[in-house]
Amino acid sequence: MAEDSSGYKVRATYIAERKKAEFEARKRVEDRGGTITAASSALVTFVFGITVFLTGKDFTKLVSGSAAIILLFALLAFTVSAALGIFVQNAPLKYKAADQPTLESFLQQNALWNSSERDAANDCAWLDIDSIFSLQETTKLKARIATVALSVQALAILLLVVSLALDFHTRGLL
């Protein structure tokens, strides 16, 4: 009975699918960056509205100076969170891919062009593996930055709540 030699096809397909999955994971992280940016931007608008409500249109009615300072820190935190979200979504972090000389060598060297399907699949799989590990590194970096952005956003919300509570307490509303 002849030995089945199609195992390389299964492995090459698996590696190609892993590479596709890494690109999808990167896209999800980048989409999360967009969500962070949108939420922070909306909350900054909300904070400005609260500021006008608390201070009046001439910014003269704020009773608690501490509340004003905390509110400014909340605005700063929302801005930092939005900036980090923009970075996560748009930073073109590079990953390893086959370079031009490598790709040209596939065509220019008869030994490679005329190699077996198994050898060609092996060559391409090694290139995909380099890309996969490189993509994983840059995606993990973007995910860590997204986590920091979410943490800063949570801090900003906490600061906003503290600022409002302090101002309402000072006014005798709480």
Foldseek 3Di string as FASTA:
>chain_A
DDDDPCVLVVVLVVLVVLLVVLVVLLQVLLVLLVVQLVVLVVVLVVLVVVQCVQQPPVNNRQQDPVLVVLSVLLNVLSVVLNVLSCCSNDPPDDFQADDPVVVVCCVPPCCNVVDDPSVVSVVVSVRSVRRSVRSVVVSVVSNVSNVVSVVSNVVSVVSNVVSVVVRCVSVVND
